[in-house]
Amino acid sequence: MPTGTLESLADAIAILERALSSQKGLKLQFQNHGRAVNYRHRLYSARTKDRDENRKLYSADEALYGRSAYDTLVIKVTDNHFLSITKADPDSIEGLVAIQEL
C-alpha cells in the first residue's frame, strides 16, 4: 500500500477514533521521548490526510470540507514518553489579559 494514504495510516486513524469516542481521551506510553514525538507526527499526518480526503468528498459549503473530525483533539507529548490525546475544551480557554507597559 502506498505511503501517505489513509490506509497506510490505519493504526493512527484507529487511535484517533478511540480518542474521539472516549470520555477522557487517551494516554499512550512509549519506550522513549523520541518515539512519542514520532507517533505524534504520525497522528498529525493522519489528521492532515483526513482533511485532504474531505476536500474531495465534500463541497466547499459543507462543514467537513477541508476539515477533520479529529481537529477537536489535542495531541501532545507529556511526562517525557507519554502521548496524551484529549478533546479540546472551549470552556477552559481563558481570555488574554493586557500587559501594562513598564
PDB file of N, CA and C in Angstrom:
ATOM      1  N   MET A   1       0.854  -1.179   0.000  1.00  0.00           N
ATOM      2  CA  MET A   1       0.000   0.000   0.000  1.00  0.00           C
ATOM      3  C   MET A   1       0.893   1.233   0.000  1.00  0.00           C
ATOM      4  N   PRO A   2       0.521   2.232  -0.783  1.00  0.00           N
ATOM      5  CA  PRO A   2       1.346   3.444  -0.891  1.00  0.00           C
ATOM      6  C   PRO A   2       1.414   4.192   0.442  1.00  0.00           C
ATOM      7  N   THR A   3       2.571   4.791   0.703  1.00  0.00           N
ATOM      8  CA  THR A   3       2.706   5.576   1.920  1.00  0.00           C
ATOM      9  C   THR A   3       1.952   6.884   1.776  1.00  0.00           C
ATOM     10  N   GLY A   4       1.546   7.442   2.906  1.00  0.00           N
ATOM     11  CA  GLY A   4       0.852   8.723   2.882  1.00  0.00           C
ATOM     12  C   GLY A   4      -0.637   8.616   2.593  1.00  0.00           C
ATOM     13  N   THR A   5      -1.159   7.396   2.479  1.00  0.00           N
ATOM     14  CA  THR A   5      -2.592   7.227   2.269  1.00  0.00           C
ATOM     15  C   THR A   5      -3.253   6.969   3.618  1.00  0.00           C
ATOM     16  N   LEU A   6      -4.556   7.148   3.664  1.00  0.00           N
ATOM     17  CA  LEU A   6      -5.270   6.841   4.899  1.00  0.00           C
ATOM     18  C   LEU A   6      -5.116   5.367   5.276  1.00  0.00           C
ATOM     19  N   GLU A   7      -5.027   4.499   4.271  1.00  0.00           N
ATOM     20  CA  GLU A   7      -4.853   3.077   4.548  1.00  0.00           C
ATOM     21  C   GLU A   7      -3.518   2.814   5.228  1.00  0.00           C
ATOM     22  N   SER A   8      -2.471   3.527   4.827  1.00  0.00           N
ATOM     23  CA  SER A   8      -1.158   3.323   5.441  1.00  0.00           C
ATOM     24  C   SER A   8      -1.097   3.921   6.841  1.00  0.00           C
ATOM     25  N   LEU A   9      -2.067   4.749   7.177  1.00  0.00           N
ATOM     26  CA  LEU A   9      -2.143   5.376   8.493  1.00  0.00           C
ATOM     27  C   LEU A   9      -3.288   4.797   9.331  1.00  0.00           C
ATOM     28  N   ALA A  10      -3.702   3.577   9.004  1.00  0.00           N
ATOM     29  CA  ALA A  10      -4.862   2.959   9.659  1.00  0.00           C
ATOM     30  C   ALA A  10      -4.688   2.857  11.170  1.00  0.00           C
ATOM     31  N   ASP A  11      -3.491   2.575  11.640  1.00  0.00           N
ATOM     32  CA  ASP A  11      -3.263   2.479  13.085  1.00  0.00           C
ATOM     33  C   ASP A  11      -3.489   3.835  13.751  1.00  0.00           C
ATOM     34  N   ALA A  12      -3.021   4.892  13.119  1.00  0.00           N
ATOM     35  CA  ALA A  12      -3.193   6.241  13.668  1.00  0.00           C
ATOM     36  C   ALA A  12      -4.666   6.650  13.650  1.00  0.00           C
ATOM     37  N   ILE A  13      -5.360   6.336  12.572  1.00  0.00           N
ATOM     38  CA  ILE A  13      -6.791   6.637  12.479  1.00  0.00           C
ATOM     39  C   ILE A  13      -7.552   5.894  13.577  1.00  0.00           C
ATOM     40  N   ALA A  14      -7.188   4.641  13.827  1.00  0.00           N
ATOM     41  CA  ALA A  14      -7.855   3.861  14.875  1.00  0.00           C
ATOM     42  C   ALA A  14      -7.647   4.510  16.249  1.00  0.00           C
ATOM     43  N   ILE A  15      -6.454   5.004  16.516  1.00  0.00           N
ATOM     44  CA  ILE A  15      -6.183   5.681  17.787  1.00  0.00           C
ATOM     45  C   ILE A  15      -6.989   6.973  17.882  1.00  0.00           C
ATOM     46  N   LEU A  16      -7.031   7.738  16.806  1.00  0.00           N
ATOM     47  CA  LEU A  16      -7.810   8.984  16.801  1.00  0.00           C
ATOM     48  C   LEU A  16      -9.295   8.703  17.017  1.00  0.00           C
ATOM     49  N   GLU A  17      -9.797   7.644  16.408  1.00  0.00           N
ATOM     50  CA  GLU A  17     -11.199   7.257  16.597  1.00  0.00           C
ATOM     51  C   GLU A  17     -11.469   6.890  18.058  1.00  0.00           C
ATOM     52  N   ARG A  18     -10.546   6.122  18.654  1.00  0.00           N
ATOM     53  CA  ARG A  18     -10.705   5.749  20.067  1.00  0.00           C
ATOM     54  C   ARG A  18     -10.710   6.985  20.958  1.00  0.00           C
ATOM     55  N   ALA A  19      -9.820   7.919  20.674  1.00  0.00           N
ATOM     56  CA  ALA A  19      -9.753   9.142  21.475  1.00  0.00           C
ATOM     57  C   ALA A  19     -11.021   9.967  21.318  1.00  0.00           C
ATOM     58  N   LEU A  20     -11.540  10.028  20.100  1.00  0.00           N
ATOM     59  CA  LEU A  20     -12.747  10.804  19.826  1.00  0.00           C
ATOM     60  C   LEU A  20     -13.961  10.223  20.545  1.00  0.00           C
ATOM     61  N   SER A  21     -14.033   8.911  20.630  1.00  0.00           N
ATOM     62  CA  SER A  21     -15.191   8.280  21.265  1.00  0.00           C
ATOM     63  C   SER A  21     -15.007   8.105  22.779  1.00  0.00           C
ATOM     64  N   SER A  22     -13.819   8.396  23.272  1.00  0.00           N
ATOM     65  CA  SER A  22     -13.530   8.258  24.692  1.00  0.00           C
ATOM     66  C   SER A  22     -14.026   9.466  25.475  1.00  0.00           C
ATOM     67  N   GLN A  23     -14.441   9.230  26.706  1.00  0.00           N
ATOM     68  CA  GLN A  23     -14.903  10.313  27.580  1.00  0.00           C
ATOM     69  C   GLN A  23     -13.760  11.244  27.957  1.00  0.00           C
ATOM     70  N   LYS A  24     -12.617  10.665  28.350  1.00  0.00           N
ATOM     71  CA  LYS A  24     -11.498  11.460  28.850  1.00  0.00           C
ATOM     72  C   LYS A  24     -10.319  11.559  27.887  1.00  0.00           C
ATOM     73  N   GLY A  25     -10.322  10.788  26.818  1.00  0.00           N
ATOM     74  CA  GLY A  25      -9.191  10.779  25.905  1.00  0.00           C
ATOM     75  C   GLY A  25      -8.294   9.588  26.172  1.00  0.00           C
ATOM     76  N   LEU A  26      -7.097   9.618  25.595  1.00  0.00           N
ATOM     77  CA  LEU A  26      -6.167   8.507  25.722  1.00  0.00           C
ATOM     78  C   LEU A  26      -4.815   9.009  26.194  1.00  0.00           C
ATOM     79  N   LYS A  27      -4.085   8.116  26.831  1.00  0.00           N
ATOM     80  CA  LYS A  27      -2.698   8.386  27.186  1.00  0.00           C
ATOM     81  C   LYS A  27      -1.901   7.155  26.780  1.00  0.00           C
ATOM     82  N   LEU A  28      -0.997   7.332  25.830  1.00  0.00           N
ATOM     83  CA  LEU A  28      -0.207   6.224  25.307  1.00  0.00           C
ATOM     84  C   LEU A  28       1.217   6.326  25.835  1.00  0.00           C
ATOM     85  N   GLN A  29       1.793   5.201  26.213  1.00  0.00           N
ATOM     86  CA  GLN A  29       3.161   5.177  26.718  1.00  0.00           C
ATOM     87  C   GLN A  29       4.091   4.620  25.645  1.00  0.00           C
ATOM     88  N   PHE A  30       5.250   5.256  25.485  1.00  0.00           N
ATOM     89  CA  PHE A  30       6.254   4.825  24.523  1.00  0.00           C
ATOM     90  C   PHE A  30       7.565   4.530  25.241  1.00  0.00           C
ATOM     91  N   GLN A  31       8.477   3.864  24.554  1.00  0.00           N
ATOM     92  CA  GLN A  31       9.757   3.491  25.153  1.00  0.00           C
ATOM     93  C   GLN A  31      10.603   4.708  25.500  1.00  0.00           C
ATOM     94  N   ASN A  32      10.461   5.772  24.699  1.00  0.00           N
ATOM     95  CA  ASN A  32      11.246   6.973  24.963  1.00  0.00           C
ATOM     96  C   ASN A  32      10.561   8.188  24.347  1.00  0.00           C
ATOM     97  N   HIS A  33      11.106   9.354  24.630  1.00  0.00           N
ATOM     98  CA  HIS A  33      10.541  10.614  24.153  1.00  0.00           C
ATOM     99  C   HIS A  33      10.494  10.671  22.620  1.00  0.00           C
ATOM    100  N   GLY A  34      11.540  10.225  21.979  1.00  0.00           N
ATOM    101  CA  GLY A  34      11.617  10.260  20.516  1.00  0.00           C
ATOM    102  C   GLY A  34      10.499   9.482  19.844  1.00  0.00           C
ATOM    103  N   ARG A  35      10.196   8.323  20.378  1.00  0.00           N
ATOM    104  CA  ARG A  35       9.111   7.514  19.790  1.00  0.00           C
ATOM    105  C   ARG A  35       7.752   8.173  19.999  1.00  0.00           C
ATOM    106  N   ALA A  36       7.572   8.814  21.145  1.00  0.00           N
ATOM    107  CA  ALA A  36       6.321   9.538  21.395  1.00  0.00           C
ATOM    108  C   ALA A  36       6.174  10.684  20.400  1.00  0.00           C
ATOM    109  N   VAL A  37       7.253  11.417  20.163  1.00  0.00           N
ATOM    110  CA  VAL A  37       7.229  12.529  19.204  1.00  0.00           C
ATOM    111  C   VAL A  37       6.957  12.004  17.796  1.00  0.00           C
ATOM    112  N   ASN A  38       7.586  10.898  17.426  1.00  0.00           N
ATOM    113  CA  ASN A  38       7.366  10.320  16.096  1.00  0.00           C
ATOM    114  C   ASN A  38       5.916   9.898  15.899  1.00  0.00           C
ATOM    115  N   TYR A  39       5.329   9.288  16.931  1.00  0.00           N
ATOM    116  CA  TYR A  39       3.939   8.857  16.792  1.00  0.00           C
ATOM    117  C   TYR A  39       2.988  10.050  16.772  1.00  0.00           C
ATOM    118  N   ARG A  40       3.325  11.102  17.510  1.00  0.00           N
ATOM    119  CA  ARG A  40       2.521  12.326  17.446  1.00  0.00           C
ATOM    120  C   ARG A  40       2.511  12.850  16.009  1.00  0.00           C
ATOM    121  N   HIS A  41       3.655  12.820  15.361  1.00  0.00           N
ATOM    122  CA  HIS A  41       3.730  13.256  13.964  1.00  0.00           C
ATOM    123  C   HIS A  41       2.863  12.366  13.070  1.00  0.00           C
ATOM    124  N   ARG A  42       2.848  11.079  13.344  1.00  0.00           N
ATOM    125  CA  ARG A  42       2.002  10.149  12.574  1.00  0.00           C
ATOM    126  C   ARG A  42       0.522  10.494  12.748  1.00  0.00           C
ATOM    127  N   LEU A  43       0.131  10.835  13.965  1.00  0.00           N
ATOM    128  CA  LEU A  43      -1.258  11.242  14.212  1.00  0.00           C
ATOM    129  C   LEU A  43      -1.578  12.555  13.491  1.00  0.00           C
ATOM    130  N   TYR A  44      -0.632  13.498  13.514  1.00  0.00           N
ATOM    131  CA  TYR A  44      -0.816  14.754  12.773  1.00  0.00           C
ATOM    132  C   TYR A  44      -0.984  14.469  11.280  1.00  0.00           C
ATOM    133  N   SER A  45      -0.167  13.552  10.751  1.00  0.00           N
ATOM    134  CA  SER A  45      -0.244  13.205   9.326  1.00  0.00           C
ATOM    135  C   SER A  45      -1.595  12.592   8.979  1.00  0.00           C
ATOM    136  N   ALA A  46      -2.104  11.737   9.861  1.00  0.00           N
ATOM    137  CA  ALA A  46      -3.415  11.113   9.633  1.00  0.00           C
ATOM    138  C   ALA A  46      -4.511  12.174   9.622  1.00  0.00           C
ATOM    139  N   ARG A  47      -4.423  13.119  10.528  1.00  0.00           N
ATOM    140  CA  ARG A  47      -5.429  14.192  10.593  1.00  0.00           C
ATOM    141  C   ARG A  47      -5.353  15.056   9.334  1.00  0.00           C
ATOM    142  N   THR A  48      -4.153  15.379   8.895  1.00  0.00           N
ATOM    143  CA  THR A  48      -3.970  16.183   7.683  1.00  0.00           C
ATOM    144  C   THR A  48      -4.501  15.445   6.457  1.00  0.00           C
ATOM    145  N   LYS A  49      -4.199  14.158   6.364  1.00  0.00           N
ATOM    146  CA  LYS A  49      -4.675  13.350   5.236  1.00  0.00           C
ATOM    147  C   LYS A  49      -6.202  13.264   5.243  1.00  0.00           C
ATOM    148  N   ASP A  50      -6.797  13.172   6.425  1.00  0.00           N
ATOM    149  CA  ASP A  50      -8.256  13.146   6.526  1.00  0.00           C
ATOM    150  C   ASP A  50      -8.849  14.458   6.004  1.00  0.00           C
ATOM    151  N   ARG A  51      -8.213  15.588   6.334  1.00  0.00           N
ATOM    152  CA  ARG A  51      -8.680  16.876   5.799  1.00  0.00           C
ATOM    153  C   ARG A  51      -8.610  16.891   4.278  1.00  0.00           C
ATOM    154  N   ASP A  52      -7.497  16.379   3.733  1.00  0.00           N
ATOM    155  CA  ASP A  52      -7.327  16.327   2.272  1.00  0.00           C
ATOM    156  C   ASP A  52      -8.413  15.485   1.623  1.00  0.00           C
ATOM    157  N   GLU A  53      -8.693  14.335   2.231  1.00  0.00           N
ATOM    158  CA  GLU A  53      -9.739  13.457   1.698  1.00  0.00           C
ATOM    159  C   GLU A  53     -11.108  14.129   1.775  1.00  0.00           C
ATOM    160  N   ASN A  54     -11.351  14.869   2.847  1.00  0.00           N
ATOM    161  CA  ASN A  54     -12.643  15.542   2.999  1.00  0.00           C
ATOM    162  C   ASN A  54     -12.826  16.669   1.983  1.00  0.00           C
ATOM    163  N   ARG A  55     -11.727  17.232   1.474  1.00  0.00           N
ATOM    164  CA  ARG A  55     -11.840  18.224   0.388  1.00  0.00           C
ATOM    165  C   ARG A  55     -12.377  17.571  -0.888  1.00  0.00           C
ATOM    166  N   LYS A  56     -12.079  16.286  -1.053  1.00  0.00           N
ATOM    167  CA  LYS A  56     -12.549  15.543  -2.220  1.00  0.00           C
ATOM    168  C   LYS A  56     -13.996  15.081  -2.038  1.00  0.00           C
ATOM    169  N   LEU A  57     -14.363  14.760  -0.792  1.00  0.00           N
ATOM    170  CA  LEU A  57     -15.680  14.185  -0.525  1.00  0.00           C
ATOM    171  C   LEU A  57     -16.793  15.211  -0.351  1.00  0.00           C
ATOM    172  N   TYR A  58     -16.448  16.392   0.158  1.00  0.00           N
ATOM    173  CA  TYR A  58     -17.456  17.395   0.497  1.00  0.00           C
ATOM    174  C   TYR A  58     -17.293  18.630  -0.376  1.00  0.00           C
ATOM    175  N   SER A  59     -18.399  19.341  -0.562  1.00  0.00           N
ATOM    176  CA  SER A  59     -18.331  20.602  -1.300  1.00  0.00           C
ATOM    177  C   SER A  59     -17.954  21.721  -0.332  1.00  0.00           C
ATOM    178  N   ALA A  60     -17.507  22.836  -0.878  1.00  0.00           N
ATOM    179  CA  ALA A  60     -16.985  23.947  -0.074  1.00  0.00           C
ATOM    180  C   ALA A  60     -17.994  24.499   0.935  1.00  0.00           C
ATOM    181  N   ASP A  61     -19.276  24.305   0.702  1.00  0.00           N
ATOM    182  CA  ASP A  61     -20.276  24.834   1.628  1.00  0.00           C
ATOM    183  C   ASP A  61     -20.644  23.856   2.751  1.00  0.00           C
ATOM    184  N   GLU A  62     -20.007  22.691   2.795  1.00  0.00           N
ATOM    185  CA  GLU A  62     -20.286  21.712   3.848  1.00  0.00           C
ATOM    186  C   GLU A  62     -19.274  21.831   4.984  1.00  0.00           C
ATOM    187  N   ALA A  63     -19.719  21.512   6.188  1.00  0.00           N
ATOM    188  CA  ALA A  63     -18.918  21.718   7.403  1.00  0.00           C
ATOM    189  C   ALA A  63     -17.584  20.969   7.388  1.00  0.00           C
ATOM    190  N   LEU A  64     -17.531  19.772   6.837  1.00  0.00           N
ATOM    191  CA  LEU A  64     -16.289  18.991   6.874  1.00  0.00           C
ATOM    192  C   LEU A  64     -15.374  19.228   5.673  1.00  0.00           C
ATOM    193  N   TYR A  65     -15.740  20.149   4.802  1.00  0.00           N
ATOM    194  CA  TYR A  65     -14.857  20.450   3.666  1.00  0.00           C
ATOM    195  C   TYR A  65     -13.528  21.011   4.187  1.00  0.00           C
ATOM    196  N   GLY A  66     -12.438  20.301   3.914  1.00  0.00           N
ATOM    197  CA  GLY A  66     -11.118  20.751   4.342  1.00  0.00           C
ATOM    198  C   GLY A  66     -10.884  20.659   5.836  1.00  0.00           C
ATOM    199  N   ARG A  67     -11.770  19.996   6.531  1.00  0.00           N
ATOM    200  CA  ARG A  67     -11.654  19.836   7.980  1.00  0.00           C
ATOM    201  C   ARG A  67     -11.693  18.351   8.311  1.00  0.00           C
ATOM    202  N   SER A  68     -11.341  18.048   9.537  1.00  0.00           N
ATOM    203  CA  SER A  68     -11.365  16.672  10.007  1.00  0.00           C
ATOM    204  C   SER A  68     -12.130  16.608  11.324  1.00  0.00           C
ATOM    205  N   ALA A  69     -12.831  15.512  11.530  1.00  0.00           N
ATOM    206  CA  ALA A  69     -13.492  15.305  12.821  1.00  0.00           C
ATOM    207  C   ALA A  69     -12.454  15.253  13.939  1.00  0.00           C
ATOM    208  N   TYR A  70     -11.206  14.942  13.582  1.00  0.00           N
ATOM    209  CA  TYR A  70     -10.134  14.840  14.567  1.00  0.00           C
ATOM    210  C   TYR A  70      -9.534  16.197  14.932  1.00  0.00           C
ATOM    211  N   ASP A  71      -9.982  17.263  14.296  1.00  0.00           N
ATOM    212  CA  ASP A  71      -9.477  18.604  14.605  1.00  0.00           C
ATOM    213  C   ASP A  71      -9.797  19.020  16.040  1.00  0.00           C
ATOM    214  N   THR A  72     -10.759  18.382  16.650  1.00  0.00           N
ATOM    215  CA  THR A  72     -11.132  18.726  18.029  1.00  0.00           C
ATOM    216  C   THR A  72     -10.210  18.077  19.064  1.00  0.00           C
ATOM    217  N   LEU A  73      -9.264  17.263  18.592  1.00  0.00           N
ATOM    218  CA  LEU A  73      -8.366  16.565  19.514  1.00  0.00           C
ATOM    219  C   LEU A  73      -7.065  17.331  19.715  1.00  0.00           C
ATOM    220  N   VAL A  74      -6.624  17.385  20.954  1.00  0.00           N
ATOM    221  CA  VAL A  74      -5.340  17.991  21.315  1.00  0.00           C
ATOM    222  C   VAL A  74      -4.359  16.841  21.540  1.00  0.00           C
ATOM    223  N   ILE A  75      -3.254  16.879  20.796  1.00  0.00           N
ATOM    224  CA  ILE A  75      -2.272  15.801  20.857  1.00  0.00           C
ATOM    225  C   ILE A  75      -0.957  16.391  21.351  1.00  0.00           C
ATOM    226  N   LYS A  76      -0.467  15.879  22.484  1.00  0.00           N
ATOM    227  CA  LYS A  76       0.796  16.421  22.990  1.00  0.00           C
ATOM    228  C   LYS A  76       1.595  15.368  23.744  1.00  0.00           C
ATOM    229  N   VAL A  77       2.904  15.538  23.704  1.00  0.00           N
ATOM    230  CA  VAL A  77       3.806  14.669  24.447  1.00  0.00           C
ATOM    231  C   VAL A  77       3.884  15.208  25.871  1.00  0.00           C
ATOM    232  N   THR A  78       3.674  14.320  26.833  1.00  0.00           N
ATOM    233  CA  THR A  78       3.734  14.702  28.240  1.00  0.00           C
ATOM    234  C   THR A  78       4.629  13.732  28.990  1.00  0.00           C
ATOM    235  N   ASP A  79       5.089  14.136  30.127  1.00  0.00           N
ATOM    236  CA  ASP A  79       5.871  13.257  31.013  1.00  0.00           C
ATOM    237  C   ASP A  79       6.976  12.504  30.285  1.00  0.00           C
ATOM    238  N   ASN A  80       7.586  13.157  29.324  1.00  0.00           N
ATOM    239  CA  ASN A  80       8.751  12.658  28.615  1.00  0.00           C
ATOM    240  C   ASN A  80       8.481  11.554  27.594  1.00  0.00           C
ATOM    241  N   HIS A  81       7.701  10.541  27.920  1.00  0.00           N
ATOM    242  CA  HIS A  81       7.479   9.466  26.946  1.00  0.00           C
ATOM    243  C   HIS A  81       6.017   9.005  26.892  1.00  0.00           C
ATOM    244  N   PHE A  82       5.136   9.892  27.241  1.00  0.00           N
ATOM    245  CA  PHE A  82       3.704   9.628  27.109  1.00  0.00           C
ATOM    246  C   PHE A  82       3.123  10.556  26.050  1.00  0.00           C
ATOM    247  N   LEU A  83       2.103  10.065  25.373  1.00  0.00           N
ATOM    248  CA  LEU A  83       1.385  10.869  24.387  1.00  0.00           C
ATOM    249  C   LEU A  83      -0.051  10.996  24.874  1.00  0.00           C
ATOM    250  N   SER A  84      -0.496  12.218  25.060  1.00  0.00           N
ATOM    251  CA  SER A  84      -1.835  12.498  25.558  1.00  0.00           C
ATOM    252  C   SER A  84      -2.702  12.975  24.394  1.00  0.00           C
ATOM    253  N   ILE A  85      -3.883  12.378  24.259  1.00  0.00           N
ATOM    254  CA  ILE A  85      -4.836  12.775  23.220  1.00  0.00           C
ATOM    255  C   ILE A  85      -6.155  13.070  23.916  1.00  0.00           C
ATOM    256  N   THR A  86      -6.535  14.337  23.945  1.00  0.00           N
ATOM    257  CA  THR A  86      -7.762  14.746  24.626  1.00  0.00           C
ATOM    258  C   THR A  86      -8.590  15.634  23.712  1.00  0.00           C
ATOM    259  N   LYS A  87      -9.847  15.762  24.063  1.00  0.00           N
ATOM    260  CA  LYS A  87     -10.727  16.657  23.311  1.00  0.00           C
ATOM    261  C   LYS A  87     -10.492  18.083  23.776  1.00  0.00           C
ATOM    262  N   ALA A  88     -10.456  18.993  22.834  1.00  0.00           N
ATOM    263  CA  ALA A  88     -10.319  20.406  23.174  1.00  0.00           C
ATOM    264  C   ALA A  88     -11.561  20.838  23.932  1.00  0.00           C
ATOM    265  N   ASP A  89     -11.359  21.611  24.979  1.00  0.00           N
ATOM    266  CA  ASP A  89     -12.453  22.083  25.804  1.00  0.00           C
ATOM    267  C   ASP A  89     -12.546  23.595  25.680  1.00  0.00           C
ATOM    268  N   PRO A  90     -13.470  24.105  24.845  1.00  0.00           N
ATOM    269  CA  PRO A  90     -13.571  25.550  24.651  1.00  0.00           C
ATOM    270  C   PRO A  90     -13.861  26.308  25.941  1.00  0.00           C
ATOM    271  N   ASP A  91     -14.476  25.654  26.925  1.00  0.00           N
ATOM    272  CA  ASP A  91     -14.790  26.320  28.188  1.00  0.00           C
ATOM    273  C   ASP A  91     -13.558  26.561  29.054  1.00  0.00           C
ATOM    274  N   SER A  92     -12.454  25.850  28.743  1.00  0.00           N
ATOM    275  CA  SER A  92     -11.256  26.006  29.561  1.00  0.00           C
ATOM    276  C   SER A  92     -10.299  27.070  29.010  1.00  0.00           C
ATOM    277  N   ILE A  93     -10.669  27.696  27.925  1.00  0.00           N
ATOM    278  CA  ILE A  93      -9.817  28.724  27.333  1.00  0.00           C
ATOM    279  C   ILE A  93     -10.036  30.037  28.059  1.00  0.00           C
ATOM    280  N   GLU A  94      -8.951  30.606  28.526  1.00  0.00           N
ATOM    281  CA  GLU A  94      -9.032  31.862  29.242  1.00  0.00           C
ATOM    282  C   GLU A  94      -8.768  33.023  28.291  1.00  0.00           C
ATOM    283  N   GLY A  95      -9.380  34.141  28.572  1.00  0.00           N
ATOM    284  CA  GLY A  95      -9.157  35.331  27.770  1.00  0.00           C
ATOM    285  C   GLY A  95      -7.769  35.900  28.015  1.00  0.00           C
ATOM    286  N   LEU A  96      -7.271  36.617  27.049  1.00  0.00           N
ATOM    287  CA  LEU A  96      -5.980  37.266  27.193  1.00  0.00           C
ATOM    288  C   LEU A  96      -6.106  38.499  28.057  1.00  0.00           C
ATOM    289  N   VAL A  97      -5.101  38.763  28.818  1.00  0.00           N
ATOM    290  CA  VAL A  97      -5.077  39.921  29.675  1.00  0.00           C
ATOM    291  C   VAL A  97      -4.007  40.864  29.148  1.00  0.00           C
ATOM    292  N   ALA A  98      -4.355  42.126  29.025  1.00  0.00           N
ATOM    293  CA  ALA A  98      -3.387  43.104  28.541  1.00  0.00           C
ATOM    294  C   ALA A  98      -2.287  43.306  29.576  1.00  0.00           C
ATOM    295  N   ILE A  99      -1.071  43.385  29.110  1.00  0.00           N
ATOM    296  CA  ILE A  99       0.059  43.631  29.993  1.00  0.00           C
ATOM    297  C   ILE A  99       0.379  45.117  29.951  1.00  0.00           C
ATOM    298  N   GLN A 100       0.516  45.690  31.113  1.00  0.00           N
ATOM    299  CA  GLN A 100       0.823  47.119  31.186  1.00  0.00           C
ATOM    300  C   GLN A 100       2.267  47.356  30.744  1.00  0.00           C
ATOM    301  N   GLU A 101       2.456  48.428  30.031  1.00  0.00           N
ATOM    302  CA  GLU A 101       3.815  48.787  29.645  1.00  0.00           C
ATOM    303  C   GLU A 101       4.548  49.309  30.867  1.00  0.00           C
ATOM    304  N   LEU A 102       5.799  48.967  30.954  1.00  0.00           N
ATOM    305  CA  LEU A 102       6.608  49.412  32.088  1.00  0.00           C
ATOM    306  C   LEU A 102       7.281  50.725  31.765  1.00  0.00           C
TER     307      LEU A 102
END
